[in-house]
Amino acid sequence: MTTPIQLLSDAGVSIWLDDLSRERLSSGSLQKLIDEKNVVGVTTNPSIFHAAITTGHYYDGKIAELAATGASLDETIFEITTTDVADACDLFAPIAAATKGIDGRVSIEVDPRLAWDTAATIAEAKHLYNKVGKDNVHIKIPATLEGLEAITATLAEGISVNVTLIFSLERYRAVINAFQSGLEQAKENGHDLSKIHSVASFFVSRVDTEIDKRLDKIGTEEAKALKGKAGVANARLAYQVYEEQFSTERWALLAEAGALPQRPLWASTGVKDPAYPDTLYVTELVAPGTVNTMPEKTLEATFDHAEVTANAVAGTYEEANGVLNALEGLGISYNDVVAVLESEGLDKFVASWKELLADVEGALSSARKAS
């Protein structure tokens, strides 16, 4: 029987898992998802690492070992996270080899506290890349205005990049420009463009969370009718931008030199509102050349009962524009929404990172006393 997951893969959607932990690596559960659920990549973020490291006892031994060597707090977290990512890269190495590096990717994010510091982000990206030491790693860089230059500079060094926290169409265009500029510089620097890979992580469910809140305040029937539509509409219009920007003469020259497109990656695809179908941000965003990174709950729901239509995004741009125009007509400012979401997204990651620092500091302190 052909599963919905297989239909997604057949439609050109790469399925990545939005989670990683030492438990997943040690227990074989990640390998099982690769074998049974077509998972061909992994994304991580500060919140994922915070949950992984502070749940259970899988990191106690490593923390004790690092405490004994006198490792600092930052060194400990750097060692733990890069080790998990390097081991996951090894797990996905056969997929990376089979797809010539397009899939089999594992992402690790720069310290979110650096999101507004271009030079520090570039330095951290290089440090992470060298420490992980695997060709199939993606270095995640937030799509802040300061991050755009860092994205270009990192790609120019031949390092593959996952651009994260993209909410607006305007910023997405700027991300694609940063990507293409990075490849142009990489070519000048003598790098093989066919070995540089990138995805652009366009966030979906958080758009609905913010806009639905504003629609509820308006409370009219017209407002209620628009609930749960903005996230998909915004993402579909992002795919239109992708089609446009990778059909230009500028891109044709890069493609001729061996470059591969920066694929759109649908992020934040777990529904936040239980009133919505649990596979909403999967089935409505099927399009060739995309990645959908899912929490395991969404992955399981997709496998069990998603109704997958090949290229569900085709022919939807006029309708998607209509949704955003209707929201503007109700006084909901698109520019304000996406600005709030970028700020909140970064704040959440910084908060998770600070919580992680505090928890690991406590674990290091206990380990030092115990020894």
Protein backbone atom coordinates (compact mmCIF):
# COMPACT_ATOMS: atom_id res chain seq x y z
CA MET A 1 0.00 0.00 0.00
CA THR A 2 1.28 3.48 -0.88
CA THR A 3 1.34 5.62 2.26
CA PRO A 4 0.66 9.39 2.39
CA ILE A 5 4.32 9.78 3.35
CA GLN A 6 5.37 8.00 0.14
CA LEU A 7 2.98 10.19 -1.87
CA LEU A 8 4.65 13.27 -0.36
CA SER A 9 8.09 12.00 -1.34
CA ASP A 10 6.83 11.15 -4.84
CA ALA A 11 5.46 14.70 -5.15
CA GLY A 12 8.94 16.15 -4.58
CA VAL A 13 8.62 16.99 -0.89
CA SER A 14 11.58 16.05 1.31
CA ILE A 15 10.47 15.02 4.80
CA TRP A 16 12.73 16.20 7.59
CA LEU A 17 12.23 15.73 11.33
CA ASP A 18 12.12 18.85 13.48
CA ASP A 19 13.82 17.25 16.47
CA LEU A 20 17.07 15.68 17.65
CA SER A 21 18.36 14.25 20.92
CA ARG A 22 20.91 11.80 22.26
CA GLU A 23 17.96 9.55 23.17
CA ARG A 24 16.83 9.45 19.51
CA LEU A 25 20.34 8.59 18.40
CA SER A 26 21.00 5.99 21.11
CA SER A 27 17.63 4.21 21.02
CA GLY A 28 17.51 3.82 17.26
CA SER A 29 14.22 5.74 17.01
CA LEU A 30 15.71 8.18 14.51
CA GLN A 31 16.98 5.33 12.34
CA LYS A 32 13.50 3.81 12.51
CA LEU A 33 11.95 7.03 11.19
CA ILE A 34 14.47 6.98 8.35
CA ASP A 35 13.62 3.37 7.53
CA GLU A 36 9.85 3.52 7.94
CA LYS A 37 8.69 7.14 7.52
CA ASN A 38 10.90 8.47 4.68
CA VAL A 39 12.68 10.95 6.96
CA VAL A 40 15.67 12.28 5.00
CA GLY A 41 16.94 15.10 7.21
CA VAL A 42 16.80 16.78 10.63
CA THR A 43 16.47 20.34 11.86
CA THR A 44 17.33 21.59 15.34
CA ASN A 45 16.94 24.88 17.18
CA PRO A 46 17.70 26.21 20.68
CA SER A 47 14.29 25.09 22.00
CA ILE A 48 14.86 21.54 20.71
CA PHE A 49 18.28 21.33 22.38
CA HIS A 50 16.91 22.74 25.63
CA ALA A 51 14.20 20.06 25.70
CA ALA A 52 16.66 17.30 24.76
CA ILE A 53 19.36 18.13 27.29
CA THR A 54 17.03 18.80 30.24
CA THR A 55 14.83 15.70 29.77
CA GLY A 56 16.01 12.42 31.26
CA HIS A 57 19.63 11.51 31.99
CA TYR A 58 21.09 10.94 28.54
CA TYR A 59 23.61 13.78 28.91
CA ASP A 60 24.64 13.26 32.55
CA GLY A 61 27.72 11.23 31.68
CA LYS A 62 28.93 13.69 29.06
CA ILE A 63 28.38 16.66 31.37
CA ALA A 64 30.28 14.91 34.17
CA GLU A 65 33.11 14.11 31.78
CA LEU A 66 33.32 17.73 30.62
CA ALA A 67 33.09 19.02 34.19
CA ALA A 68 36.11 16.88 35.08
CA THR A 69 38.13 18.51 32.30
CA GLY A 70 37.26 22.00 33.57
CA ALA A 71 35.16 22.87 30.51
CA SER A 72 33.28 26.15 30.71
CA LEU A 73 29.52 26.40 30.37
CA ASP A 74 29.66 27.58 26.75
CA GLU A 75 32.23 24.91 25.88
CA THR A 76 30.03 22.22 27.41
CA ILE A 77 26.94 23.19 25.44
CA PHE A 78 28.97 23.59 22.26
CA GLU A 79 30.47 20.12 22.70
CA ILE A 80 27.14 18.43 23.47
CA THR A 81 25.18 19.99 20.62
CA THR A 82 27.86 19.58 17.97
CA THR A 83 28.42 15.94 18.98
CA ASP A 84 24.71 15.16 18.56
CA VAL A 85 24.66 16.88 15.17
CA ALA A 86 27.86 15.19 13.99
CA ASP A 87 26.49 11.77 14.96
CA ALA A 88 23.22 12.53 13.19
CA CYS A 89 25.21 13.60 10.11
CA ASP A 90 26.87 10.17 10.12
CA LEU A 91 23.46 8.52 10.36
CA PHE A 92 22.22 10.46 7.36
CA ALA A 93 25.45 10.15 5.36
CA PRO A 94 24.10 7.36 3.07
CA ILE A 95 21.11 9.55 2.14
CA ALA A 96 23.40 12.51 1.52
CA ALA A 97 25.55 10.37 -0.75
CA ALA A 98 22.55 8.97 -2.64
CA THR A 99 21.04 12.44 -3.23
CA LYS A 100 24.36 14.20 -3.89
CA GLY A 101 23.94 16.25 -0.74
CA ILE A 102 20.45 17.58 -1.42
CA ASP A 103 18.99 15.56 1.45
CA GLY A 104 20.60 13.78 4.37
CA ARG A 105 21.14 17.20 5.96
CA VAL A 106 21.31 18.04 9.68
CA SER A 107 20.97 21.65 10.81
CA ILE A 108 22.56 23.39 13.79
CA GLU A 109 21.84 27.00 14.67
CA VAL A 110 24.24 29.76 15.62
CA ASP A 111 23.83 31.09 19.17
CA PRO A 112 20.54 33.05 18.90
CA ARG A 113 21.98 35.85 21.02
CA LEU A 114 24.16 36.73 18.00
CA ALA A 115 21.22 37.29 15.62
CA TRP A 116 21.78 41.05 15.51
CA ASP A 117 25.59 40.86 15.17
CA THR A 118 26.78 40.14 11.63
CA ALA A 119 30.48 39.60 12.35
CA ALA A 120 29.85 37.37 15.38
CA THR A 121 27.33 35.29 13.42
CA ILE A 122 29.85 34.72 10.61
CA ALA A 123 32.53 33.68 13.11
CA GLU A 124 30.12 31.33 14.93
CA ALA A 125 28.96 29.77 11.64
CA LYS A 126 32.56 28.92 10.71
CA HIS A 127 33.26 27.61 14.22
CA LEU A 128 30.21 25.33 14.16
CA TYR A 129 31.00 24.08 10.65
CA ASN A 130 34.58 23.23 11.54
CA LYS A 131 33.63 21.60 14.85
CA VAL A 132 30.89 19.37 13.37
CA GLY A 133 33.25 18.53 10.52
CA LYS A 134 30.66 16.89 8.26
CA ASP A 135 29.84 17.80 4.66
CA ASN A 136 26.10 17.26 5.22
CA VAL A 137 25.70 19.79 8.03
CA HIS A 138 23.61 22.92 7.51
CA ILE A 139 24.48 25.98 9.58
CA LYS A 140 21.28 27.79 10.58
CA ILE A 141 21.34 31.57 10.46
CA PRO A 142 18.29 33.72 11.32
CA ALA A 143 16.98 35.95 8.54
CA THR A 144 17.37 39.19 10.46
CA LEU A 145 18.59 42.23 8.53
CA GLU A 146 21.98 41.70 10.20
CA GLY A 147 21.81 38.02 9.30
CA LEU A 148 21.51 38.62 5.55
CA GLU A 149 25.14 39.69 5.19
CA ALA A 150 26.21 36.78 7.37
CA ILE A 151 24.30 34.36 5.11
CA THR A 152 26.13 35.68 2.06
CA ALA A 153 29.54 35.59 3.76
CA THR A 154 29.03 32.03 5.07
CA LEU A 155 27.96 30.69 1.68
CA ALA A 156 30.91 32.49 0.10
CA GLU A 157 33.15 30.25 2.25
CA GLY A 158 31.55 27.16 0.71
CA ILE A 159 29.46 26.41 3.82
CA SER A 160 25.88 25.18 3.37
CA VAL A 161 23.24 27.26 5.14
CA ASN A 162 19.71 26.86 6.48
CA VAL A 163 18.19 30.34 6.68
CA THR A 164 15.66 30.36 9.52
CA LEU A 165 12.85 32.49 10.96
CA ILE A 166 11.50 33.84 7.67
CA PHE A 167 7.98 35.23 7.96
CA SER A 168 7.56 37.88 5.26
CA LEU A 169 7.63 37.74 1.48
CA GLU A 170 9.83 40.84 1.34
CA ARG A 171 12.40 39.29 3.67
CA TYR A 172 12.24 36.05 1.72
CA ARG A 173 13.19 37.93 -1.46
CA ALA A 174 16.12 39.45 0.45
CA VAL A 175 17.15 35.97 1.63
CA ILE A 176 17.19 34.65 -1.94
CA ASN A 177 19.27 37.64 -2.98
CA ALA A 178 21.70 36.96 -0.10
CA PHE A 179 21.89 33.32 -1.20
CA GLN A 180 22.62 34.14 -4.82
CA SER A 181 25.17 36.78 -3.81
CA GLY A 182 26.85 34.18 -1.61
CA LEU A 183 27.08 31.74 -4.49
CA GLU A 184 28.48 34.40 -6.79
CA GLN A 185 31.20 35.12 -4.23
CA ALA A 186 31.79 31.40 -3.65
CA LYS A 187 32.34 30.98 -7.38
CA GLU A 188 34.88 33.81 -7.33
CA ASN A 189 36.54 32.11 -4.36
CA GLY A 190 36.95 28.92 -6.37
CA HIS A 191 34.35 26.76 -4.60
CA ASP A 192 32.43 24.00 -6.35
CA LEU A 193 28.87 25.40 -6.40
CA SER A 194 27.31 21.95 -6.77
CA LYS A 195 28.48 21.13 -3.25
CA ILE A 196 26.90 24.17 -1.58
CA HIS A 197 23.34 23.56 -0.41
CA SER A 198 20.75 25.79 1.21
CA VAL A 199 17.16 25.87 2.39
CA ALA A 200 15.04 28.87 3.35
CA SER A 201 12.90 28.09 6.39
CA PHE A 202 9.57 29.86 5.96
CA PHE A 203 7.47 29.67 9.13
CA VAL A 204 3.80 28.78 8.78
CA SER A 205 1.69 28.04 11.88
CA ARG A 206 2.90 31.04 13.86
CA VAL A 207 1.39 33.31 11.19
CA ASP A 208 -2.05 31.86 11.89
CA THR A 209 -1.54 32.06 15.65
CA GLU A 210 -0.85 35.81 15.49
CA ILE A 211 -3.43 36.68 12.85
CA ASP A 212 -6.19 34.49 14.36
CA LYS A 213 -5.72 36.35 17.64
CA ARG A 214 -6.34 39.63 15.83
CA LEU A 215 -9.31 38.20 13.93
CA ASP A 216 -10.87 37.06 17.21
CA LYS A 217 -10.64 40.61 18.52
CA ILE A 218 -12.51 41.89 15.46
CA GLY A 219 -15.09 39.17 15.94
CA THR A 220 -17.20 39.67 12.81
CA GLU A 221 -18.38 36.84 10.59
CA GLU A 222 -16.02 38.08 7.88
CA ALA A 223 -13.13 37.92 10.35
CA LYS A 224 -14.05 34.44 11.57
CA ALA A 225 -14.16 33.18 7.97
CA LEU A 226 -10.49 34.11 7.53
CA LYS A 227 -9.20 32.18 10.54
CA GLY A 228 -6.62 29.51 9.74
CA LYS A 229 -6.05 30.73 6.19
CA ALA A 230 -3.19 33.22 6.44
CA GLY A 231 -0.36 30.77 7.18
CA VAL A 232 -1.01 28.65 4.10
CA ALA A 233 -1.68 31.70 1.90
CA ASN A 234 1.58 33.35 2.97
CA ALA A 235 3.58 30.17 2.33
CA ARG A 236 1.98 29.62 -1.06
CA LEU A 237 2.93 33.15 -2.09
CA ALA A 238 6.46 32.40 -0.87
CA TYR A 239 6.54 29.49 -3.30
CA GLN A 240 5.51 31.90 -6.05
CA VAL A 241 8.48 34.08 -5.09
CA TYR A 242 10.71 31.01 -5.24
CA GLU A 243 9.50 30.18 -8.75
CA GLU A 244 10.06 33.76 -9.90
CA GLN A 245 13.50 34.26 -8.35
CA PHE A 246 14.87 30.98 -9.64
CA SER A 247 13.75 31.69 -13.20
CA THR A 248 15.90 34.79 -13.73
CA GLU A 249 18.93 35.30 -15.95
CA ARG A 250 21.01 35.85 -12.83
CA TRP A 251 20.06 32.41 -11.54
CA ALA A 252 20.55 30.78 -14.94
CA LEU A 253 24.23 31.83 -14.88
CA LEU A 254 24.69 30.30 -11.44
CA ALA A 255 22.87 27.12 -12.43
CA GLU A 256 25.11 26.85 -15.48
CA ALA A 257 28.07 26.93 -13.06
CA GLY A 258 26.60 23.99 -11.12
CA ALA A 259 24.53 25.77 -8.47
CA LEU A 260 21.40 24.18 -7.03
CA PRO A 261 18.35 26.22 -5.96
CA GLN A 262 17.79 27.19 -2.36
CA ARG A 263 14.73 25.10 -1.55
CA PRO A 264 11.80 26.49 0.42
CA LEU A 265 11.46 24.67 3.75
CA TRP A 266 8.11 24.78 5.52
CA ALA A 267 8.85 25.23 9.23
CA SER A 268 6.56 25.47 12.24
CA THR A 269 4.24 22.93 10.64
CA GLY A 270 2.64 21.53 13.78
CA VAL A 271 -0.82 23.06 14.18
CA LYS A 272 -1.20 25.25 17.26
CA ASP A 273 -5.01 25.35 17.17
CA PRO A 274 -6.64 21.94 17.79
CA ALA A 275 -9.62 23.08 15.72
CA TYR A 276 -7.49 22.74 12.57
CA PRO A 277 -6.62 19.46 10.83
CA ASP A 278 -3.36 18.16 12.28
CA THR A 279 -1.84 17.85 8.80
CA LEU A 280 -3.03 21.28 7.56
CA TYR A 281 0.48 22.62 6.95
CA VAL A 282 1.52 19.45 5.15
CA THR A 283 -1.31 18.67 2.74
CA GLU A 284 -1.89 22.31 1.74
CA LEU A 285 1.78 22.96 0.94
CA VAL A 286 2.69 20.04 -1.33
CA ALA A 287 4.94 21.38 -4.08
CA PRO A 288 7.98 20.00 -5.93
CA GLY A 289 11.41 21.01 -4.70
CA THR A 290 10.30 21.77 -1.13
CA VAL A 291 11.15 20.48 2.34
CA ASN A 292 8.63 20.02 5.16
CA THR A 293 10.25 19.73 8.56
CA MET A 294 7.77 18.22 10.99
CA PRO A 295 7.57 17.48 14.69
CA GLU A 296 7.07 13.76 15.20
CA LYS A 297 3.38 14.21 16.09
CA THR A 298 2.72 15.80 12.68
CA LEU A 299 4.84 13.17 10.94
CA GLU A 300 2.82 10.36 12.51
CA ALA A 301 -0.48 12.04 11.65
CA THR A 302 0.68 12.50 8.07
CA PHE A 303 1.66 8.84 7.83
CA ASP A 304 -1.66 7.71 9.33
CA HIS A 305 -4.27 9.73 7.47
CA ALA A 306 -3.09 12.69 5.38
CA GLU A 307 -4.78 13.15 2.02
CA VAL A 308 -1.94 14.14 -0.26
CA THR A 309 -2.55 15.88 -3.59
CA ALA A 310 0.49 16.37 -5.81
CA ASN A 311 1.40 20.06 -6.17
CA ALA A 312 -1.47 21.37 -4.05
CA VAL A 313 0.12 24.83 -4.34
CA ALA A 314 -0.32 25.07 -8.14
CA GLY A 315 -2.86 27.63 -9.28
CA THR A 316 -3.51 29.05 -5.81
CA TYR A 317 -1.67 32.37 -5.93
CA GLU A 318 -4.68 34.55 -6.78
CA GLU A 319 -6.68 33.02 -3.94
CA ALA A 320 -3.72 33.42 -1.54
CA ASN A 321 -3.36 37.09 -2.47
CA GLY A 322 -7.08 37.47 -1.84
CA VAL A 323 -6.66 36.21 1.73
CA LEU A 324 -3.90 38.71 2.54
CA ASN A 325 -5.83 41.54 0.88
CA ALA A 326 -8.94 40.67 2.89
CA LEU A 327 -6.91 40.80 6.11
CA GLU A 328 -5.55 44.23 5.18
CA GLY A 329 -9.14 45.28 4.49
CA LEU A 330 -10.02 44.38 8.07
CA GLY A 331 -7.18 46.52 9.36
CA ILE A 332 -4.71 43.71 10.05
CA SER A 333 -1.32 44.98 8.89
CA TYR A 334 0.78 42.29 7.24
CA ASN A 335 3.99 44.26 7.89
CA ASP A 336 3.15 44.61 11.56
CA VAL A 337 2.32 40.91 11.92
CA VAL A 338 5.57 39.70 10.37
CA ALA A 339 7.64 42.20 12.39
CA VAL A 340 6.03 40.95 15.61
CA LEU A 341 6.63 37.32 14.61
CA GLU A 342 10.31 37.84 13.83
CA SER A 343 10.87 39.62 17.14
CA GLU A 344 8.92 36.99 19.11
CA GLY A 345 10.63 34.13 17.28
CA LEU A 346 14.08 35.39 18.18
CA ASP A 347 13.02 36.18 21.75
CA LYS A 348 11.75 32.59 22.19
CA PHE A 349 15.01 31.10 20.94
CA VAL A 350 17.09 33.43 23.13
CA ALA A 351 14.92 32.54 26.13
CA SER A 352 15.34 28.81 25.43
CA TRP A 353 19.10 29.26 25.11
CA LYS A 354 19.30 31.14 28.42
CA GLU A 355 17.23 28.42 30.12
CA LEU A 356 19.59 25.83 28.65
CA LEU A 357 22.60 27.77 29.96
CA ALA A 358 21.10 27.91 33.44
CA ASP A 359 20.19 24.22 33.51
CA VAL A 360 23.56 23.02 32.23
CA GLU A 361 25.35 25.36 34.65
CA GLY A 362 23.47 23.63 37.46
CA ALA A 363 24.37 20.19 36.10
CA LEU A 364 28.05 21.16 35.75
CA SER A 365 28.10 22.49 39.29
CA SER A 366 26.58 19.27 40.66
CA ALA A 367 29.04 17.16 38.67
CA ARG A 368 32.01 19.15 40.00
CA LYS A 369 30.80 18.72 43.60
CA ALA A 370 30.24 15.00 43.06
CA SER A 371 33.78 14.53 41.85
